[in-house]
Amino acid sequence: MMGRSIVSTIILLCAFSAFAENAYTNHAGNIVAGWPVKLTQKEVTLAVRIPDSQLSTTNSQLSTSNIKHQTSNFQLSTTNTYPLSIFPESEQRRIAADFGQPRVPVAVKRAVVGAEKAMARSRKRAEKGLCTKEESDDFCAKSEAALKNYLDKQVKEGVITPAERKAIGH
């Protein structure tokens, strides 16, 4: 009976700590809280952290296998794995961006890669003496500014998320 109340307490604390965590909405409209710690093509593993100060038990009393003690920040963490298919596409993209692997649309990827290649070509031309360094720097500055404006416009139009924009850089 004692073990059951410990698990109930942990579940309750997970629910309370969900407000401090990242949260994603699934197709059914339910909130799934946690930070992505593992991401595959089909699944995401979300971790919910519980500060030790919220626990009234000691680590030796915990017997649940999915609870891990993290000594580096003195928190307990529980993880749950979910199929990505339970989340709408927009939430899947948020999860990927939060994990650090943004799923940017092909047109945006092409624009970024094209601008980066053009700037690299310009620098190579300057190295070979086919244009001056000033001309190359001017071209690269204009290209960088145009790419920045393009990416900002894509965020404004909702094509990419601010998290994806940040991950792309420029």
N, C-alpha and C. Protein backbone atom coordinates (compact mmCIF):
# COMPACT_ATOMS: atom_id res chain seq x y z
N MET A 1 0.82 -1.19 0.00
CA MET A 1 0.00 0.00 0.00
C MET A 1 0.87 1.26 0.00
N MET A 2 1.98 1.20 0.74
CA MET A 2 2.87 2.35 0.80
C MET A 2 3.44 2.67 -0.57
N GLY A 3 3.86 1.66 -1.34
CA GLY A 3 4.41 1.87 -2.68
C GLY A 3 3.40 2.51 -3.61
N ARG A 4 2.13 2.15 -3.43
CA ARG A 4 1.07 2.68 -4.28
C ARG A 4 0.88 4.19 -4.05
N SER A 5 0.97 4.63 -2.80
CA SER A 5 0.81 6.05 -2.52
C SER A 5 2.01 6.85 -3.03
N ILE A 6 3.18 6.25 -3.03
CA ILE A 6 4.37 6.93 -3.56
C ILE A 6 4.19 7.16 -5.06
N VAL A 7 3.77 6.13 -5.77
CA VAL A 7 3.56 6.26 -7.21
C VAL A 7 2.46 7.28 -7.49
N SER A 8 1.38 7.26 -6.69
CA SER A 8 0.31 8.25 -6.87
C SER A 8 0.82 9.65 -6.65
N THR A 9 1.66 9.82 -5.63
CA THR A 9 2.24 11.13 -5.35
C THR A 9 3.09 11.60 -6.51
N ILE A 10 3.89 10.70 -7.07
CA ILE A 10 4.75 11.05 -8.20
C ILE A 10 3.92 11.43 -9.41
N ILE A 11 2.87 10.68 -9.69
CA ILE A 11 2.01 11.00 -10.82
C ILE A 11 1.36 12.37 -10.63
N LEU A 12 0.90 12.64 -9.43
CA LEU A 12 0.29 13.93 -9.13
C LEU A 12 1.31 15.06 -9.30
N LEU A 13 2.53 14.85 -8.82
CA LEU A 13 3.56 15.86 -8.96
C LEU A 13 3.94 16.07 -10.41
N CYS A 14 3.90 15.00 -11.21
CA CYS A 14 4.17 15.13 -12.65
C CYS A 14 3.13 16.04 -13.28
N ALA A 15 1.89 15.88 -12.88
CA ALA A 15 0.82 16.70 -13.44
C ALA A 15 1.02 18.16 -13.06
N PHE A 16 1.41 18.43 -11.80
CA PHE A 16 1.64 19.81 -11.38
C PHE A 16 2.85 20.40 -12.07
N SER A 17 3.90 19.60 -12.27
CA SER A 17 5.10 20.14 -12.90
C SER A 17 4.91 20.31 -14.39
N ALA A 18 3.85 19.76 -14.95
CA ALA A 18 3.60 19.91 -16.39
C ALA A 18 3.40 21.36 -16.76
N PHE A 19 2.92 22.17 -15.83
CA PHE A 19 2.72 23.58 -16.13
C PHE A 19 4.04 24.30 -16.34
N ALA A 20 5.11 23.80 -15.73
CA ALA A 20 6.41 24.43 -15.89
C ALA A 20 7.17 23.84 -17.08
N GLU A 21 6.66 22.78 -17.65
CA GLU A 21 7.32 22.10 -18.76
C GLU A 21 6.75 22.56 -20.09
N ASN A 22 7.38 22.12 -21.16
CA ASN A 22 6.84 22.31 -22.49
C ASN A 22 5.58 21.46 -22.61
N ALA A 23 4.64 21.87 -23.40
CA ALA A 23 3.42 21.11 -23.57
C ALA A 23 3.02 21.10 -25.03
N TYR A 24 2.52 19.96 -25.48
CA TYR A 24 2.09 19.78 -26.86
C TYR A 24 0.66 19.25 -26.85
N THR A 25 -0.12 19.65 -27.85
CA THR A 25 -1.51 19.22 -27.94
C THR A 25 -1.62 18.12 -28.98
N ASN A 26 -2.24 16.99 -28.59
CA ASN A 26 -2.41 15.91 -29.55
C ASN A 26 -3.68 16.12 -30.37
N HIS A 27 -3.97 15.19 -31.29
CA HIS A 27 -5.14 15.32 -32.16
C HIS A 27 -6.44 15.41 -31.38
N ALA A 28 -6.50 14.76 -30.22
CA ALA A 28 -7.72 14.75 -29.42
C ALA A 28 -7.89 16.02 -28.59
N GLY A 29 -6.90 16.91 -28.64
CA GLY A 29 -6.97 18.14 -27.87
C GLY A 29 -6.42 18.02 -26.47
N ASN A 30 -5.84 16.88 -26.14
CA ASN A 30 -5.25 16.68 -24.81
C ASN A 30 -3.83 17.23 -24.79
N ILE A 31 -3.44 17.72 -23.64
CA ILE A 31 -2.10 18.27 -23.45
C ILE A 31 -1.16 17.13 -23.04
N VAL A 32 -0.02 17.06 -23.73
CA VAL A 32 1.04 16.11 -23.39
C VAL A 32 2.25 16.95 -23.02
N ALA A 33 2.69 16.87 -21.77
CA ALA A 33 3.75 17.73 -21.26
C ALA A 33 5.09 17.02 -21.24
N GLY A 34 6.14 17.81 -21.36
CA GLY A 34 7.50 17.30 -21.24
C GLY A 34 8.42 17.91 -22.27
N TRP A 35 9.71 17.62 -22.10
CA TRP A 35 10.73 18.10 -23.02
C TRP A 35 11.20 16.92 -23.85
N PRO A 36 11.34 17.09 -25.16
CA PRO A 36 11.82 15.98 -25.99
C PRO A 36 13.26 15.62 -25.65
N VAL A 37 13.48 14.35 -25.34
CA VAL A 37 14.83 13.87 -25.04
C VAL A 37 15.30 12.85 -26.07
N LYS A 38 14.38 12.34 -26.87
CA LYS A 38 14.72 11.41 -27.94
C LYS A 38 13.67 11.58 -29.03
N LEU A 39 14.13 11.60 -30.28
CA LEU A 39 13.23 11.78 -31.40
C LEU A 39 13.64 10.86 -32.54
N THR A 40 12.70 10.06 -33.02
CA THR A 40 12.92 9.24 -34.20
C THR A 40 11.89 9.65 -35.24
N GLN A 41 11.88 8.98 -36.38
CA GLN A 41 10.90 9.29 -37.41
C GLN A 41 9.48 9.00 -36.96
N LYS A 42 9.32 8.06 -36.01
CA LYS A 42 7.97 7.63 -35.62
C LYS A 42 7.60 7.93 -34.18
N GLU A 43 8.58 8.20 -33.31
CA GLU A 43 8.28 8.36 -31.89
C GLU A 43 9.05 9.52 -31.28
N VAL A 44 8.49 10.03 -30.19
CA VAL A 44 9.17 11.04 -29.39
C VAL A 44 9.12 10.59 -27.93
N THR A 45 10.23 10.78 -27.23
CA THR A 45 10.28 10.50 -25.81
C THR A 45 10.34 11.84 -25.10
N LEU A 46 9.36 12.07 -24.23
CA LEU A 46 9.28 13.32 -23.47
C LEU A 46 9.62 13.05 -22.02
N ALA A 47 10.41 13.93 -21.43
CA ALA A 47 10.78 13.82 -20.02
C ALA A 47 10.07 14.90 -19.23
N VAL A 48 9.56 14.52 -18.08
CA VAL A 48 8.95 15.45 -17.15
C VAL A 48 9.83 15.45 -15.92
N ARG A 49 10.29 16.62 -15.52
CA ARG A 49 11.21 16.72 -14.38
C ARG A 49 10.45 17.13 -13.12
N ILE A 50 10.83 16.51 -12.02
CA ILE A 50 10.21 16.81 -10.73
C ILE A 50 11.32 17.26 -9.78
N PRO A 51 11.31 18.51 -9.35
CA PRO A 51 12.33 18.95 -8.39
C PRO A 51 12.23 18.16 -7.09
N ASP A 52 13.37 17.85 -6.49
CA ASP A 52 13.40 17.10 -5.23
C ASP A 52 12.58 17.78 -4.15
N SER A 53 12.50 19.10 -4.18
CA SER A 53 11.78 19.82 -3.14
C SER A 53 10.29 19.50 -3.15
N GLN A 54 9.77 18.98 -4.27
CA GLN A 54 8.35 18.64 -4.34
C GLN A 54 8.06 17.22 -3.86
N LEU A 55 9.11 16.45 -3.63
CA LEU A 55 8.92 15.06 -3.21
C LEU A 55 8.98 14.95 -1.70
N SER A 56 8.11 14.11 -1.15
CA SER A 56 8.13 13.90 0.29
C SER A 56 8.71 12.54 0.64
N THR A 57 9.26 11.86 -0.37
CA THR A 57 9.83 10.53 -0.15
C THR A 57 11.32 10.58 -0.46
N THR A 58 12.03 9.57 -0.03
CA THR A 58 13.45 9.49 -0.35
C THR A 58 13.62 8.62 -1.58
N ASN A 59 14.76 8.76 -2.23
CA ASN A 59 15.02 8.00 -3.45
C ASN A 59 15.01 6.49 -3.19
N SER A 60 15.38 6.07 -1.99
CA SER A 60 15.43 4.63 -1.70
C SER A 60 14.02 4.02 -1.68
N GLN A 61 12.98 4.82 -1.49
CA GLN A 61 11.63 4.29 -1.47
C GLN A 61 11.04 4.14 -2.86
N LEU A 62 11.66 4.75 -3.87
CA LEU A 62 11.12 4.69 -5.22
C LEU A 62 11.47 3.36 -5.87
N SER A 63 10.46 2.67 -6.36
CA SER A 63 10.73 1.39 -7.00
C SER A 63 10.23 1.36 -8.44
N THR A 64 9.68 2.46 -8.92
CA THR A 64 9.19 2.50 -10.29
C THR A 64 10.37 2.52 -11.23
N SER A 65 10.37 1.67 -12.26
CA SER A 65 11.53 1.53 -13.13
C SER A 65 11.76 2.72 -14.05
N ASN A 66 10.73 3.52 -14.34
CA ASN A 66 10.95 4.62 -15.26
C ASN A 66 11.29 5.93 -14.57
N ILE A 67 11.58 5.89 -13.27
CA ILE A 67 12.01 7.07 -12.53
C ILE A 67 13.52 6.99 -12.38
N LYS A 68 14.23 8.06 -12.75
CA LYS A 68 15.68 8.07 -12.67
C LYS A 68 16.12 9.25 -11.82
N HIS A 69 17.13 9.04 -11.01
CA HIS A 69 17.66 10.13 -10.20
C HIS A 69 18.78 10.81 -10.97
N GLN A 70 18.67 12.11 -11.14
CA GLN A 70 19.69 12.87 -11.85
C GLN A 70 20.47 13.67 -10.81
N THR A 71 21.69 13.24 -10.51
CA THR A 71 22.45 13.90 -9.46
C THR A 71 22.97 15.26 -9.89
N SER A 72 23.07 15.51 -11.20
CA SER A 72 23.64 16.78 -11.65
C SER A 72 22.74 17.97 -11.31
N ASN A 73 21.43 17.79 -11.31
CA ASN A 73 20.56 18.91 -10.98
C ASN A 73 19.56 18.55 -9.89
N PHE A 74 19.78 17.46 -9.21
CA PHE A 74 18.99 17.04 -8.08
C PHE A 74 17.49 16.99 -8.41
N GLN A 75 17.15 16.38 -9.53
CA GLN A 75 15.77 16.23 -9.91
C GLN A 75 15.51 14.77 -10.29
N LEU A 76 14.27 14.38 -10.13
CA LEU A 76 13.84 13.10 -10.62
C LEU A 76 13.20 13.34 -11.98
N SER A 77 13.33 12.38 -12.87
CA SER A 77 12.77 12.55 -14.20
C SER A 77 12.05 11.27 -14.60
N THR A 78 10.88 11.44 -15.17
CA THR A 78 10.17 10.31 -15.71
C THR A 78 10.00 10.56 -17.20
N THR A 79 10.12 9.51 -18.00
CA THR A 79 9.99 9.68 -19.44
C THR A 79 8.86 8.82 -19.95
N ASN A 80 8.22 9.33 -20.99
CA ASN A 80 7.15 8.60 -21.67
C ASN A 80 7.40 8.71 -23.17
N THR A 81 7.17 7.61 -23.88
CA THR A 81 7.35 7.60 -25.33
C THR A 81 5.99 7.60 -25.99
N TYR A 82 5.84 8.48 -26.99
CA TYR A 82 4.58 8.62 -27.71
C TYR A 82 4.83 8.48 -29.21
N PRO A 83 3.88 7.90 -29.93
CA PRO A 83 4.01 7.92 -31.39
C PRO A 83 3.79 9.34 -31.90
N LEU A 84 4.58 9.77 -32.85
CA LEU A 84 4.41 11.13 -33.40
C LEU A 84 3.06 11.30 -34.09
N SER A 85 2.48 10.20 -34.54
CA SER A 85 1.21 10.27 -35.27
C SER A 85 0.07 10.80 -34.41
N ILE A 86 0.21 10.82 -33.08
CA ILE A 86 -0.87 11.35 -32.25
C ILE A 86 -0.88 12.87 -32.23
N PHE A 87 0.17 13.49 -32.80
CA PHE A 87 0.27 14.95 -32.82
C PHE A 87 0.01 15.48 -34.22
N PRO A 88 -0.66 16.63 -34.33
CA PRO A 88 -0.80 17.26 -35.65
C PRO A 88 0.57 17.67 -36.20
N GLU A 89 0.64 17.91 -37.49
CA GLU A 89 1.91 18.27 -38.14
C GLU A 89 2.58 19.47 -37.49
N SER A 90 1.79 20.48 -37.13
CA SER A 90 2.37 21.68 -36.52
C SER A 90 3.05 21.35 -35.19
N GLU A 91 2.45 20.48 -34.40
CA GLU A 91 3.04 20.09 -33.12
C GLU A 91 4.27 19.21 -33.35
N GLN A 92 4.23 18.36 -34.37
CA GLN A 92 5.40 17.54 -34.69
C GLN A 92 6.59 18.43 -35.03
N ARG A 93 6.32 19.50 -35.75
CA ARG A 93 7.39 20.44 -36.11
C ARG A 93 7.90 21.17 -34.88
N ARG A 94 7.01 21.54 -33.97
CA ARG A 94 7.44 22.18 -32.71
C ARG A 94 8.31 21.24 -31.89
N ILE A 95 7.89 19.98 -31.82
CA ILE A 95 8.67 18.98 -31.07
C ILE A 95 10.06 18.86 -31.68
N ALA A 96 10.13 18.73 -32.99
CA ALA A 96 11.42 18.59 -33.67
C ALA A 96 12.30 19.82 -33.44
N ALA A 97 11.71 21.01 -33.51
CA ALA A 97 12.48 22.24 -33.27
C ALA A 97 12.96 22.30 -31.82
N ASP A 98 12.10 21.93 -30.87
CA ASP A 98 12.49 21.93 -29.47
C ASP A 98 13.60 20.91 -29.20
N PHE A 99 13.61 19.83 -29.97
CA PHE A 99 14.64 18.80 -29.83
C PHE A 99 15.95 19.25 -30.48
N GLY A 100 15.87 20.26 -31.35
CA GLY A 100 17.08 20.75 -32.01
C GLY A 100 17.25 20.22 -33.42
N GLN A 101 16.21 19.58 -33.97
CA GLN A 101 16.25 19.07 -35.33
C GLN A 101 15.02 19.59 -36.08
N PRO A 102 15.03 20.89 -36.42
CA PRO A 102 13.84 21.46 -37.06
C PRO A 102 13.53 20.81 -38.40
N ARG A 103 12.25 20.67 -38.67
CA ARG A 103 11.77 20.12 -39.95
C ARG A 103 11.28 21.28 -40.79
N VAL A 104 12.19 21.87 -41.52
CA VAL A 104 11.90 23.07 -42.31
C VAL A 104 11.38 22.65 -43.68
N PRO A 105 10.38 23.36 -44.21
CA PRO A 105 9.87 23.04 -45.56
C PRO A 105 10.98 23.09 -46.62
N VAL A 106 10.82 22.31 -47.67
CA VAL A 106 11.83 22.17 -48.71
C VAL A 106 12.18 23.52 -49.35
N ALA A 107 11.18 24.34 -49.62
CA ALA A 107 11.44 25.64 -50.27
C ALA A 107 12.34 26.51 -49.41
N VAL A 108 12.15 26.48 -48.12
CA VAL A 108 12.98 27.28 -47.22
C VAL A 108 14.40 26.71 -47.16
N LYS A 109 14.51 25.37 -47.11
CA LYS A 109 15.84 24.74 -47.12
C LYS A 109 16.60 25.13 -48.38
N ARG A 110 15.90 25.08 -49.53
CA ARG A 110 16.55 25.43 -50.79
C ARG A 110 17.03 26.87 -50.80
N ALA A 111 16.23 27.77 -50.26
CA ALA A 111 16.62 29.18 -50.22
C ALA A 111 17.86 29.37 -49.37
N VAL A 112 17.91 28.72 -48.23
CA VAL A 112 19.06 28.84 -47.33
C VAL A 112 20.30 28.25 -47.97
N VAL A 113 20.18 27.04 -48.50
CA VAL A 113 21.32 26.38 -49.13
C VAL A 113 21.80 27.19 -50.34
N GLY A 114 20.87 27.69 -51.15
CA GLY A 114 21.24 28.49 -52.33
C GLY A 114 22.00 29.74 -51.95
N ALA A 115 21.54 30.45 -50.94
CA ALA A 115 22.22 31.67 -50.50
C ALA A 115 23.60 31.35 -49.94
N GLU A 116 23.69 30.27 -49.16
CA GLU A 116 24.99 29.88 -48.60
C GLU A 116 25.98 29.51 -49.71
N LYS A 117 25.51 28.79 -50.73
CA LYS A 117 26.38 28.41 -51.85
C LYS A 117 26.82 29.63 -52.65
N ALA A 118 25.91 30.56 -52.87
CA ALA A 118 26.26 31.77 -53.62
C ALA A 118 27.31 32.58 -52.88
N MET A 119 27.18 32.68 -51.55
CA MET A 119 28.16 33.42 -50.77
C MET A 119 29.52 32.70 -50.78
N ALA A 120 29.49 31.37 -50.71
CA ALA A 120 30.74 30.60 -50.76
C ALA A 120 31.42 30.77 -52.12
N ARG A 121 30.62 30.76 -53.20
CA ARG A 121 31.18 30.97 -54.54
C ARG A 121 31.83 32.34 -54.66
N SER A 122 31.16 33.34 -54.10
CA SER A 122 31.70 34.70 -54.15
C SER A 122 33.03 34.78 -53.40
N ARG A 123 33.13 34.14 -52.27
CA ARG A 123 34.38 34.16 -51.51
C ARG A 123 35.49 33.45 -52.29
N LYS A 124 35.16 32.33 -52.94
CA LYS A 124 36.14 31.60 -53.75
C LYS A 124 36.61 32.46 -54.92
N ARG A 125 35.68 33.18 -55.55
CA ARG A 125 36.04 34.05 -56.67
C ARG A 125 37.03 35.12 -56.20
N ALA A 126 36.79 35.65 -55.00
CA ALA A 126 37.69 36.67 -54.46
C ALA A 126 39.06 36.07 -54.17
N GLU A 127 39.09 34.85 -53.66
CA GLU A 127 40.37 34.17 -53.38
C GLU A 127 41.17 33.95 -54.66
N LYS A 128 40.48 33.67 -55.76
CA LYS A 128 41.14 33.40 -57.04
C LYS A 128 41.45 34.68 -57.80
N GLY A 129 41.01 35.81 -57.28
CA GLY A 129 41.29 37.08 -57.93
C GLY A 129 40.31 37.42 -59.05
N LEU A 130 39.21 36.71 -59.14
CA LEU A 130 38.22 36.98 -60.18
C LEU A 130 37.34 38.18 -59.84
N CYS A 131 37.35 38.58 -58.57
CA CYS A 131 36.67 39.81 -58.13
C CYS A 131 37.43 40.29 -56.90
N THR A 132 37.18 41.52 -56.51
CA THR A 132 37.88 42.05 -55.33
C THR A 132 37.21 41.52 -54.05
N LYS A 133 37.97 41.58 -52.97
CA LYS A 133 37.42 41.14 -51.69
C LYS A 133 36.27 42.05 -51.28
N GLU A 134 36.37 43.33 -51.58
CA GLU A 134 35.30 44.27 -51.25
C GLU A 134 34.01 43.94 -52.00
N GLU A 135 34.15 43.58 -53.29
CA GLU A 135 32.98 43.19 -54.08
C GLU A 135 32.34 41.93 -53.50
N SER A 136 33.17 40.99 -53.12
CA SER A 136 32.67 39.75 -52.53
C SER A 136 31.98 40.02 -51.20
N ASP A 137 32.61 40.82 -50.35
CA ASP A 137 32.02 41.16 -49.06
C ASP A 137 30.69 41.89 -49.23
N ASP A 138 30.63 42.79 -50.22
CA ASP A 138 29.40 43.52 -50.50
C ASP A 138 28.29 42.55 -50.94
N PHE A 139 28.65 41.64 -51.85
CA PHE A 139 27.68 40.64 -52.32
C PHE A 139 27.19 39.78 -51.16
N CYS A 140 28.11 39.31 -50.33
CA CYS A 140 27.74 38.44 -49.20
C CYS A 140 26.86 39.19 -48.20
N ALA A 141 27.15 40.46 -47.96
CA ALA A 141 26.33 41.25 -47.03
C ALA A 141 24.92 41.42 -47.57
N LYS A 142 24.80 41.70 -48.88
CA LYS A 142 23.48 41.85 -49.48
C LYS A 142 22.72 40.52 -49.49
N SER A 143 23.43 39.43 -49.78
CA SER A 143 22.80 38.11 -49.79
C SER A 143 22.33 37.72 -48.39
N GLU A 144 23.16 38.00 -47.40
CA GLU A 144 22.80 37.69 -46.00
C GLU A 144 21.57 38.48 -45.58
N ALA A 145 21.53 39.76 -45.94
CA ALA A 145 20.38 40.61 -45.59
C ALA A 145 19.12 40.12 -46.30
N ALA A 146 19.24 39.74 -47.57
CA ALA A 146 18.08 39.24 -48.31
C ALA A 146 17.58 37.93 -47.70
N LEU A 147 18.50 37.06 -47.31
CA LEU A 147 18.10 35.79 -46.69
C LEU A 147 17.42 36.04 -45.34
N LYS A 148 17.97 36.95 -44.56
CA LYS A 148 17.36 37.29 -43.27
C LYS A 148 15.94 37.81 -43.46
N ASN A 149 15.76 38.72 -44.42
CA ASN A 149 14.41 39.24 -44.70
C ASN A 149 13.46 38.14 -45.16
N TYR A 150 13.96 37.24 -46.00
CA TYR A 150 13.14 36.12 -46.48
C TYR A 150 12.70 35.24 -45.32
N LEU A 151 13.65 34.89 -44.44
CA LEU A 151 13.32 34.02 -43.31
C LEU A 151 12.36 34.71 -42.34
N ASP A 152 12.56 36.00 -42.11
CA ASP A 152 11.65 36.74 -41.24
C ASP A 152 10.25 36.76 -41.84
N LYS A 153 10.16 36.92 -43.15
CA LYS A 153 8.85 36.91 -43.83
C LYS A 153 8.19 35.53 -43.71
N GLN A 154 8.99 34.46 -43.79
CA GLN A 154 8.44 33.11 -43.66
C GLN A 154 7.87 32.88 -42.27
N VAL A 155 8.52 33.44 -41.26
CA VAL A 155 8.01 33.34 -39.88
C VAL A 155 6.70 34.12 -39.77
N LYS A 156 6.70 35.34 -40.32
CA LYS A 156 5.52 36.20 -40.25
C LYS A 156 4.32 35.55 -40.94
N GLU A 157 4.57 34.85 -42.05
CA GLU A 157 3.49 34.18 -42.78
C GLU A 157 3.13 32.82 -42.20
N GLY A 158 3.88 32.35 -41.21
CA GLY A 158 3.58 31.08 -40.57
C GLY A 158 4.12 29.86 -41.29
N VAL A 159 5.00 30.07 -42.26
CA VAL A 159 5.59 28.95 -42.99
C VAL A 159 6.56 28.18 -42.10
N ILE A 160 7.33 28.92 -41.31
CA ILE A 160 8.22 28.31 -40.33
C ILE A 160 7.94 28.93 -38.97
N THR A 161 8.28 28.22 -37.93
CA THR A 161 8.05 28.71 -36.57
C THR A 161 9.25 29.53 -36.11
N PRO A 162 9.07 30.37 -35.09
CA PRO A 162 10.21 31.11 -34.56
C PRO A 162 11.34 30.19 -34.08
N ALA A 163 10.99 29.03 -33.53
CA ALA A 163 12.02 28.08 -33.08
C ALA A 163 12.80 27.54 -34.28
N GLU A 164 12.10 27.27 -35.39
CA GLU A 164 12.78 26.81 -36.59
C GLU A 164 13.68 27.91 -37.15
N ARG A 165 13.19 29.14 -37.12
CA ARG A 165 13.96 30.29 -37.60
C ARG A 165 15.24 30.43 -36.80
N LYS A 166 15.13 30.28 -35.50
CA LYS A 166 16.30 30.39 -34.63
C LYS A 166 17.29 29.27 -34.93
N ALA A 167 16.79 28.06 -35.17
CA ALA A 167 17.67 26.93 -35.46
C ALA A 167 18.40 27.09 -36.79
N ILE A 168 17.74 27.74 -37.75
CA ILE A 168 18.36 27.95 -39.07
C ILE A 168 19.51 28.95 -38.96
N GLY A 169 19.32 29.95 -38.13
CA GLY A 169 20.33 31.00 -37.99
C GLY A 169 20.14 32.10 -39.01
N HIS A 170 21.23 32.74 -39.38
CA HIS A 170 21.24 33.83 -40.36
C HIS A 170 20.43 34.98 -39.81
